[in-house]
Amino acid sequence: MARRSALLASLAVMTVLLLAAPALAAETLTVQPAGCNQVTVTGAGLPASAQLTVVVSDGFSGKALKQAAVTSGADGSLKATVAVSMRGLAAVGAEVRMGGKILLGATHNLEAALRAQCGGGGSGGALPFTGPGQSYLMLAIGAGLLCLGGLVRASFAYRGRH
């Protein structure tokens, strides 16, 4: 009986997977610096003929540098060139928003030659900034989970009957 129900369940899952419709269009967003003073943002798979906002930001801190209002093409494509200085940046990011909601985002790490040409942006051999340190938070969560595991183990431990 268990074997039959397992077979029926797996058959149902396979049927659902076969009937699932694929996505209509793949959404893509590309951020490409064009020299030290502008960024070209291209995208595809966006809503057709929609009023969008492109926000260019510092790729590491997320601080918004410039915004530009654009309209997507009839095929859902987008191409915008935004004037923004690359001075002091190590990476540049872009988001496409519609009505305040983020549709797509992308980041581009600037090559060392472009960083040097544009006036720095991190020291040459240093490791990249990957976000604020959260080691104390992770340590506290780990200790809490360890204590929780010990309590669960102690509560379900075998107690011999004498």
N, C-alpha and C. Protein backbone atom coordinates (compact mmCIF):
# COMPACT_ATOMS: atom_id res chain seq x y z
N MET A 1 0.82 -1.19 0.00
CA MET A 1 0.00 0.00 0.00
C MET A 1 0.87 1.26 0.00
N ALA A 2 1.94 1.26 0.81
CA ALA A 2 2.83 2.42 0.88
C ALA A 2 3.56 2.60 -0.45
N ARG A 3 3.90 1.49 -1.06
CA ARG A 3 4.59 1.56 -2.35
C ARG A 3 3.70 2.18 -3.42
N ARG A 4 2.42 1.83 -3.38
CA ARG A 4 1.47 2.36 -4.36
C ARG A 4 1.27 3.87 -4.17
N SER A 5 1.15 4.33 -2.93
CA SER A 5 0.96 5.76 -2.67
C SER A 5 2.21 6.55 -3.03
N ALA A 6 3.39 5.98 -2.81
CA ALA A 6 4.63 6.66 -3.20
C ALA A 6 4.71 6.78 -4.72
N LEU A 7 4.29 5.74 -5.43
CA LEU A 7 4.27 5.77 -6.89
C LEU A 7 3.28 6.82 -7.41
N LEU A 8 2.10 6.90 -6.81
CA LEU A 8 1.11 7.89 -7.22
C LEU A 8 1.60 9.31 -6.93
N ALA A 9 2.26 9.50 -5.80
CA ALA A 9 2.77 10.83 -5.45
C ALA A 9 3.86 11.26 -6.43
N SER A 10 4.77 10.36 -6.76
CA SER A 10 5.83 10.71 -7.71
C SER A 10 5.26 10.97 -9.10
N LEU A 11 4.23 10.23 -9.50
CA LEU A 11 3.57 10.45 -10.78
C LEU A 11 2.90 11.83 -10.81
N ALA A 12 2.28 12.22 -9.72
CA ALA A 12 1.63 13.53 -9.64
C ALA A 12 2.65 14.65 -9.73
N VAL A 13 3.78 14.49 -9.06
CA VAL A 13 4.84 15.51 -9.11
C VAL A 13 5.39 15.63 -10.53
N MET A 14 5.62 14.50 -11.19
CA MET A 14 6.13 14.55 -12.57
C MET A 14 5.14 15.21 -13.51
N THR A 15 3.84 14.97 -13.32
CA THR A 15 2.81 15.59 -14.16
C THR A 15 2.82 17.10 -13.98
N VAL A 16 2.91 17.57 -12.74
CA VAL A 16 2.95 19.01 -12.47
C VAL A 16 4.18 19.63 -13.10
N LEU A 17 5.32 18.98 -13.01
CA LEU A 17 6.54 19.52 -13.60
C LEU A 17 6.48 19.57 -15.11
N LEU A 18 5.85 18.61 -15.72
CA LEU A 18 5.72 18.61 -17.18
C LEU A 18 4.76 19.68 -17.68
N LEU A 19 3.75 20.02 -16.88
CA LEU A 19 2.77 21.01 -17.29
C LEU A 19 3.18 22.44 -16.96
N ALA A 20 4.22 22.62 -16.18
CA ALA A 20 4.66 23.96 -15.80
C ALA A 20 5.13 24.71 -17.03
N ALA A 21 4.68 25.94 -17.17
CA ALA A 21 5.04 26.76 -18.34
C ALA A 21 6.37 27.46 -18.09
N PRO A 22 7.24 27.49 -19.08
CA PRO A 22 8.51 28.19 -18.91
C PRO A 22 8.28 29.71 -18.92
N ALA A 23 9.25 30.44 -18.45
CA ALA A 23 9.17 31.90 -18.46
C ALA A 23 9.10 32.40 -19.90
N LEU A 24 8.34 33.47 -20.10
CA LEU A 24 8.15 33.98 -21.45
C LEU A 24 9.42 34.62 -22.01
N ALA A 25 10.14 35.37 -21.18
CA ALA A 25 11.35 36.03 -21.66
C ALA A 25 12.37 36.08 -20.53
N ALA A 26 13.59 35.91 -20.89
CA ALA A 26 14.65 35.99 -19.89
C ALA A 26 14.98 37.45 -19.64
N GLU A 27 14.94 37.85 -18.38
CA GLU A 27 15.28 39.22 -18.03
C GLU A 27 16.78 39.33 -17.86
N THR A 28 17.38 40.29 -18.52
CA THR A 28 18.81 40.52 -18.38
C THR A 28 19.08 42.01 -18.20
N LEU A 29 20.15 42.31 -17.48
CA LEU A 29 20.58 43.69 -17.30
C LEU A 29 22.09 43.69 -17.31
N THR A 30 22.67 44.60 -18.08
CA THR A 30 24.12 44.71 -18.20
C THR A 30 24.52 46.14 -17.89
N VAL A 31 25.56 46.28 -17.07
CA VAL A 31 26.12 47.59 -16.73
C VAL A 31 27.52 47.63 -17.31
N GLN A 32 27.79 48.63 -18.14
CA GLN A 32 29.09 48.73 -18.78
C GLN A 32 29.59 50.17 -18.70
N PRO A 33 30.73 50.41 -18.00
CA PRO A 33 31.27 51.76 -17.99
C PRO A 33 31.79 52.14 -19.37
N ALA A 34 31.53 53.40 -19.75
CA ALA A 34 32.02 53.93 -21.02
C ALA A 34 32.93 55.10 -20.68
N GLY A 35 34.17 54.79 -20.35
CA GLY A 35 35.10 55.83 -19.92
C GLY A 35 34.91 56.13 -18.45
N CYS A 36 35.38 57.31 -18.04
CA CYS A 36 35.33 57.69 -16.63
C CYS A 36 34.10 58.49 -16.26
N ASN A 37 33.29 58.88 -17.24
CA ASN A 37 32.20 59.81 -16.94
C ASN A 37 30.82 59.34 -17.36
N GLN A 38 30.67 58.09 -17.78
CA GLN A 38 29.33 57.61 -18.11
C GLN A 38 29.24 56.10 -18.03
N VAL A 39 28.01 55.63 -17.87
CA VAL A 39 27.71 54.21 -17.76
C VAL A 39 26.60 53.90 -18.75
N THR A 40 26.74 52.79 -19.47
CA THR A 40 25.69 52.34 -20.38
C THR A 40 24.99 51.14 -19.75
N VAL A 41 23.68 51.25 -19.60
CA VAL A 41 22.87 50.19 -19.02
C VAL A 41 21.98 49.63 -20.13
N THR A 42 22.08 48.33 -20.38
CA THR A 42 21.23 47.69 -21.38
C THR A 42 20.45 46.56 -20.71
N GLY A 43 19.24 46.36 -21.17
CA GLY A 43 18.41 45.32 -20.58
C GLY A 43 17.47 44.73 -21.60
N ALA A 44 16.93 43.57 -21.26
CA ALA A 44 15.96 42.88 -22.11
C ALA A 44 14.99 42.12 -21.22
N GLY A 45 13.82 41.84 -21.76
CA GLY A 45 12.82 41.08 -21.01
C GLY A 45 12.04 41.93 -20.03
N LEU A 46 12.06 43.23 -20.21
CA LEU A 46 11.33 44.14 -19.33
C LEU A 46 9.93 44.38 -19.87
N PRO A 47 9.05 44.99 -19.09
CA PRO A 47 7.71 45.31 -19.61
C PRO A 47 7.80 46.22 -20.83
N ALA A 48 7.00 45.94 -21.84
CA ALA A 48 7.06 46.70 -23.09
C ALA A 48 6.51 48.10 -22.92
N SER A 49 7.20 49.07 -23.51
CA SER A 49 6.80 50.48 -23.55
C SER A 49 6.42 51.02 -22.18
N ALA A 50 7.22 50.71 -21.18
CA ALA A 50 6.94 51.13 -19.80
C ALA A 50 7.86 52.26 -19.39
N GLN A 51 7.34 53.15 -18.53
CA GLN A 51 8.16 54.21 -17.96
C GLN A 51 8.98 53.61 -16.83
N LEU A 52 10.30 53.65 -16.95
CA LEU A 52 11.21 53.03 -15.99
C LEU A 52 12.19 54.08 -15.46
N THR A 53 12.80 53.77 -14.34
CA THR A 53 13.85 54.60 -13.78
C THR A 53 15.10 53.76 -13.64
N VAL A 54 16.21 54.26 -14.17
CA VAL A 54 17.50 53.59 -14.02
C VAL A 54 18.26 54.33 -12.93
N VAL A 55 18.67 53.60 -11.88
CA VAL A 55 19.42 54.19 -10.78
C VAL A 55 20.82 53.61 -10.82
N VAL A 56 21.82 54.47 -11.01
CA VAL A 56 23.22 54.05 -11.03
C VAL A 56 23.79 54.31 -9.64
N SER A 57 24.51 53.32 -9.09
CA SER A 57 24.99 53.43 -7.72
C SER A 57 26.43 52.91 -7.60
N ASP A 58 27.03 53.22 -6.45
CA ASP A 58 28.33 52.65 -6.09
C ASP A 58 28.10 51.16 -5.87
N GLY A 59 28.85 50.32 -6.55
CA GLY A 59 28.63 48.88 -6.49
C GLY A 59 28.90 48.26 -5.13
N PHE A 60 29.73 48.90 -4.30
CA PHE A 60 30.05 48.32 -3.00
C PHE A 60 29.17 48.87 -1.88
N SER A 61 28.98 50.16 -1.83
CA SER A 61 28.19 50.74 -0.73
C SER A 61 26.70 50.77 -1.05
N GLY A 62 26.34 50.75 -2.33
CA GLY A 62 24.94 50.83 -2.71
C GLY A 62 24.40 52.25 -2.75
N LYS A 63 25.25 53.23 -2.50
CA LYS A 63 24.83 54.63 -2.50
C LYS A 63 24.45 55.05 -3.92
N ALA A 64 23.24 55.59 -4.07
CA ALA A 64 22.77 56.03 -5.39
C ALA A 64 23.56 57.25 -5.85
N LEU A 65 24.03 57.21 -7.09
CA LEU A 65 24.81 58.31 -7.66
C LEU A 65 23.99 59.16 -8.61
N LYS A 66 23.21 58.54 -9.48
CA LYS A 66 22.40 59.25 -10.47
C LYS A 66 21.16 58.43 -10.79
N GLN A 67 20.10 59.13 -11.23
CA GLN A 67 18.89 58.49 -11.72
C GLN A 67 18.57 59.02 -13.10
N ALA A 68 17.94 58.20 -13.90
CA ALA A 68 17.52 58.63 -15.23
C ALA A 68 16.18 57.98 -15.56
N ALA A 69 15.24 58.77 -16.05
CA ALA A 69 13.95 58.24 -16.48
C ALA A 69 14.06 57.80 -17.93
N VAL A 70 13.64 56.57 -18.22
CA VAL A 70 13.71 56.02 -19.57
C VAL A 70 12.41 55.29 -19.89
N THR A 71 12.20 55.00 -21.15
CA THR A 71 11.06 54.22 -21.60
C THR A 71 11.59 52.98 -22.31
N SER A 72 11.08 51.82 -21.94
CA SER A 72 11.51 50.59 -22.59
C SER A 72 10.92 50.52 -23.99
N GLY A 73 11.56 49.72 -24.84
CA GLY A 73 11.10 49.56 -26.21
C GLY A 73 9.86 48.69 -26.29
N ALA A 74 9.29 48.60 -27.46
CA ALA A 74 8.10 47.78 -27.67
C ALA A 74 8.39 46.30 -27.44
N ASP A 75 9.67 45.90 -27.59
CA ASP A 75 10.05 44.51 -27.35
C ASP A 75 10.56 44.28 -25.93
N GLY A 76 10.48 45.29 -25.06
CA GLY A 76 10.92 45.14 -23.68
C GLY A 76 12.40 45.38 -23.50
N SER A 77 13.05 45.97 -24.50
CA SER A 77 14.49 46.24 -24.39
C SER A 77 14.71 47.62 -23.80
N LEU A 78 15.92 47.83 -23.31
CA LEU A 78 16.27 49.10 -22.67
C LEU A 78 17.73 49.41 -22.96
N LYS A 79 18.00 50.66 -23.29
CA LYS A 79 19.37 51.12 -23.42
C LYS A 79 19.41 52.56 -22.93
N ALA A 80 20.22 52.79 -21.90
CA ALA A 80 20.34 54.12 -21.32
C ALA A 80 21.79 54.42 -21.04
N THR A 81 22.20 55.63 -21.36
CA THR A 81 23.54 56.10 -21.03
C THR A 81 23.39 57.19 -19.98
N VAL A 82 23.99 56.95 -18.82
CA VAL A 82 23.86 57.87 -17.69
C VAL A 82 25.22 58.50 -17.42
N ALA A 83 25.24 59.82 -17.33
CA ALA A 83 26.49 60.54 -17.03
C ALA A 83 26.74 60.47 -15.53
N VAL A 84 27.80 59.78 -15.15
CA VAL A 84 28.18 59.64 -13.74
C VAL A 84 29.69 59.48 -13.66
N SER A 85 30.30 60.09 -12.68
CA SER A 85 31.75 60.02 -12.53
C SER A 85 32.16 58.70 -11.87
N MET A 86 33.20 58.07 -12.40
CA MET A 86 33.73 56.83 -11.83
C MET A 86 34.84 57.09 -10.82
N ARG A 87 35.13 58.34 -10.54
CA ARG A 87 36.23 58.69 -9.65
C ARG A 87 35.99 58.10 -8.27
N GLY A 88 36.96 57.32 -7.80
CA GLY A 88 36.89 56.72 -6.48
C GLY A 88 36.08 55.45 -6.39
N LEU A 89 35.53 54.96 -7.50
CA LEU A 89 34.71 53.75 -7.47
C LEU A 89 35.53 52.52 -7.84
N ALA A 90 35.22 51.42 -7.22
CA ALA A 90 35.82 50.14 -7.59
C ALA A 90 34.81 49.27 -8.33
N ALA A 91 33.53 49.60 -8.18
CA ALA A 91 32.46 48.87 -8.86
C ALA A 91 31.29 49.83 -9.06
N VAL A 92 30.53 49.59 -10.11
CA VAL A 92 29.35 50.40 -10.39
C VAL A 92 28.16 49.47 -10.54
N GLY A 93 27.03 49.88 -9.99
CA GLY A 93 25.83 49.06 -10.07
C GLY A 93 24.69 49.84 -10.70
N ALA A 94 23.67 49.13 -11.13
CA ALA A 94 22.49 49.78 -11.70
C ALA A 94 21.26 48.96 -11.34
N GLU A 95 20.17 49.67 -11.13
CA GLU A 95 18.88 49.04 -10.88
C GLU A 95 17.87 49.64 -11.85
N VAL A 96 16.95 48.81 -12.30
CA VAL A 96 15.83 49.29 -13.11
C VAL A 96 14.60 49.18 -12.23
N ARG A 97 13.92 50.32 -12.08
CA ARG A 97 12.74 50.38 -11.21
C ARG A 97 11.52 50.80 -12.00
N MET A 98 10.38 50.32 -11.54
CA MET A 98 9.11 50.73 -12.12
C MET A 98 8.15 50.97 -10.96
N GLY A 99 7.73 52.23 -10.81
CA GLY A 99 6.82 52.56 -9.72
C GLY A 99 7.45 52.35 -8.35
N GLY A 100 8.75 52.57 -8.22
CA GLY A 100 9.43 52.40 -6.94
C GLY A 100 9.84 50.97 -6.64
N LYS A 101 9.41 50.03 -7.44
CA LYS A 101 9.72 48.62 -7.23
C LYS A 101 10.90 48.22 -8.12
N ILE A 102 11.90 47.54 -7.54
CA ILE A 102 13.08 47.13 -8.30
C ILE A 102 12.74 45.92 -9.17
N LEU A 103 12.95 46.07 -10.48
CA LEU A 103 12.72 44.96 -11.40
C LEU A 103 13.98 44.13 -11.62
N LEU A 104 15.11 44.81 -11.87
CA LEU A 104 16.38 44.13 -12.13
C LEU A 104 17.51 44.92 -11.53
N GLY A 105 18.60 44.24 -11.24
CA GLY A 105 19.80 44.91 -10.76
C GLY A 105 21.04 44.18 -11.25
N ALA A 106 22.12 44.93 -11.43
CA ALA A 106 23.38 44.34 -11.87
C ALA A 106 24.54 45.19 -11.36
N THR A 107 25.69 44.56 -11.22
CA THR A 107 26.91 45.25 -10.76
C THR A 107 28.06 44.88 -11.67
N HIS A 108 28.95 45.83 -11.89
CA HIS A 108 30.14 45.60 -12.72
C HIS A 108 31.37 46.06 -11.94
N ASN A 109 32.30 45.16 -11.69
CA ASN A 109 33.56 45.52 -11.04
C ASN A 109 34.47 46.17 -12.07
N LEU A 110 34.97 47.33 -11.73
CA LEU A 110 35.84 48.06 -12.66
C LEU A 110 37.21 47.42 -12.71
N GLU A 111 37.77 47.32 -13.90
CA GLU A 111 39.10 46.76 -14.07
C GLU A 111 40.12 47.71 -13.46
N ALA A 112 41.28 47.16 -13.09
CA ALA A 112 42.32 47.95 -12.44
C ALA A 112 42.78 49.11 -13.31
N ALA A 113 42.87 48.89 -14.62
CA ALA A 113 43.32 49.95 -15.53
C ALA A 113 42.33 51.12 -15.54
N LEU A 114 41.04 50.81 -15.56
CA LEU A 114 40.03 51.87 -15.55
C LEU A 114 39.99 52.58 -14.20
N ARG A 115 40.16 51.83 -13.11
CA ARG A 115 40.21 52.47 -11.78
C ARG A 115 41.37 53.44 -11.70
N ALA A 116 42.54 53.03 -12.22
CA ALA A 116 43.71 53.90 -12.19
C ALA A 116 43.50 55.13 -13.07
N GLN A 117 42.89 54.92 -14.23
CA GLN A 117 42.64 56.01 -15.17
C GLN A 117 41.65 57.02 -14.58
N CYS A 118 40.67 56.53 -13.84
CA CYS A 118 39.61 57.40 -13.32
C CYS A 118 39.91 57.96 -11.94
N GLY A 119 41.04 57.66 -11.38
CA GLY A 119 41.39 58.27 -10.10
C GLY A 119 41.17 57.39 -8.89
N GLY A 120 41.55 56.15 -9.00
CA GLY A 120 41.53 55.29 -7.81
C GLY A 120 40.22 54.58 -7.61
N GLY A 121 40.06 54.10 -6.42
CA GLY A 121 38.88 53.28 -6.09
C GLY A 121 39.38 52.00 -5.48
N GLY A 122 39.90 52.11 -4.30
CA GLY A 122 40.45 50.93 -3.64
C GLY A 122 41.93 50.82 -3.90
N SER A 123 42.62 50.23 -2.98
CA SER A 123 44.06 50.04 -3.16
C SER A 123 44.32 48.82 -4.00
N GLY A 124 45.44 48.82 -4.69
CA GLY A 124 45.75 47.79 -5.67
C GLY A 124 45.66 46.37 -5.20
N GLY A 125 46.34 46.00 -4.10
CA GLY A 125 46.39 44.60 -3.71
C GLY A 125 45.45 44.23 -2.59
N ALA A 126 44.62 45.16 -2.14
CA ALA A 126 43.73 44.87 -1.02
C ALA A 126 42.58 43.97 -1.45
N LEU A 127 42.03 43.26 -0.49
CA LEU A 127 40.88 42.42 -0.77
C LEU A 127 39.66 43.30 -0.97
N PRO A 128 38.71 42.86 -1.78
CA PRO A 128 37.51 43.68 -2.00
C PRO A 128 36.64 43.72 -0.75
N PHE A 129 35.90 44.79 -0.61
CA PHE A 129 34.96 44.95 0.49
C PHE A 129 33.73 44.10 0.18
N THR A 130 33.38 43.19 1.07
CA THR A 130 32.25 42.29 0.82
C THR A 130 31.08 42.54 1.74
N GLY A 131 31.13 43.62 2.48
CA GLY A 131 30.00 43.95 3.35
C GLY A 131 30.45 44.10 4.78
N PRO A 132 29.57 44.64 5.61
CA PRO A 132 29.95 44.85 7.00
C PRO A 132 30.14 43.53 7.73
N GLY A 133 31.04 43.53 8.70
CA GLY A 133 31.31 42.32 9.47
C GLY A 133 30.14 41.99 10.39
N GLN A 134 29.74 40.75 10.41
CA GLN A 134 28.64 40.31 11.26
C GLN A 134 29.07 39.10 12.08
N SER A 135 30.34 39.07 12.45
CA SER A 135 30.84 37.89 13.14
C SER A 135 30.22 37.70 14.51
N TYR A 136 29.95 38.78 15.25
CA TYR A 136 29.34 38.63 16.57
C TYR A 136 27.91 38.12 16.47
N LEU A 137 27.19 38.59 15.48
CA LEU A 137 25.84 38.10 15.26
C LEU A 137 25.85 36.62 14.91
N MET A 138 26.74 36.23 14.00
CA MET A 138 26.83 34.82 13.61
C MET A 138 27.27 33.95 14.79
N LEU A 139 28.17 34.46 15.62
CA LEU A 139 28.62 33.72 16.81
C LEU A 139 27.46 33.53 17.77
N ALA A 140 26.65 34.56 17.98
CA ALA A 140 25.50 34.46 18.88
C ALA A 140 24.47 33.47 18.34
N ILE A 141 24.21 33.52 17.05
CA ILE A 141 23.25 32.58 16.45
C ILE A 141 23.76 31.15 16.57
N GLY A 142 25.05 30.95 16.29
CA GLY A 142 25.63 29.61 16.41
C GLY A 142 25.56 29.07 17.83
N ALA A 143 25.87 29.91 18.82
CA ALA A 143 25.81 29.48 20.22
C ALA A 143 24.37 29.15 20.61
N GLY A 144 23.42 29.97 20.15
CA GLY A 144 22.02 29.70 20.45
C GLY A 144 21.54 28.39 19.85
N LEU A 145 21.94 28.12 18.60
CA LEU A 145 21.55 26.86 17.97
C LEU A 145 22.21 25.66 18.64
N LEU A 146 23.44 25.84 19.09
CA LEU A 146 24.13 24.77 19.80
C LEU A 146 23.42 24.45 21.11
N CYS A 147 23.01 25.48 21.85
CA CYS A 147 22.26 25.27 23.10
C CYS A 147 20.91 24.62 22.82
N LEU A 148 20.22 25.08 21.77
CA LEU A 148 18.94 24.50 21.41
C LEU A 148 19.10 23.02 21.05
N GLY A 149 20.14 22.68 20.31
CA GLY A 149 20.40 21.28 19.98
C GLY A 149 20.67 20.44 21.21
N GLY A 150 21.42 21.00 22.16
CA GLY A 150 21.68 20.27 23.41
C GLY A 150 20.41 20.04 24.20
N LEU A 151 19.53 21.03 24.24
CA LEU A 151 18.26 20.86 24.95
C LEU A 151 17.38 19.81 24.29
N VAL A 152 17.32 19.83 22.97
CA VAL A 152 16.51 18.83 22.26
C VAL A 152 17.08 17.44 22.49
N ARG A 153 18.39 17.32 22.43
CA ARG A 153 19.02 16.01 22.65
C ARG A 153 18.76 15.52 24.07
N ALA A 154 18.87 16.41 25.04
CA ALA A 154 18.66 16.02 26.44
C ALA A 154 17.20 15.63 26.68
N SER A 155 16.28 16.31 26.03
CA SER A 155 14.86 16.01 26.28
C SER A 155 14.44 14.69 25.63
N PHE A 156 15.09 14.29 24.56
CA PHE A 156 14.73 13.05 23.90
C PHE A 156 15.72 11.91 24.17
N ALA A 157 16.62 12.10 25.11
CA ALA A 157 17.61 11.06 25.43
C ALA A 157 16.92 9.86 26.06
N TYR A 158 17.51 8.70 25.85
CA TYR A 158 16.97 7.47 26.41
C TYR A 158 17.17 7.48 27.92
N ARG A 159 16.10 7.25 28.61
CA ARG A 159 16.16 7.16 30.08
C ARG A 159 15.81 5.72 30.44
N GLY A 160 16.78 5.02 30.93
CA GLY A 160 16.56 3.62 31.29
C GLY A 160 15.52 3.48 32.39
N ARG A 161 14.76 2.44 32.32
CA ARG A 161 13.73 2.20 33.32
C ARG A 161 14.24 1.14 34.29
N HIS A 162 14.26 1.53 35.52
CA HIS A 162 14.77 0.60 36.56
C HIS A 162 13.66 0.12 37.41
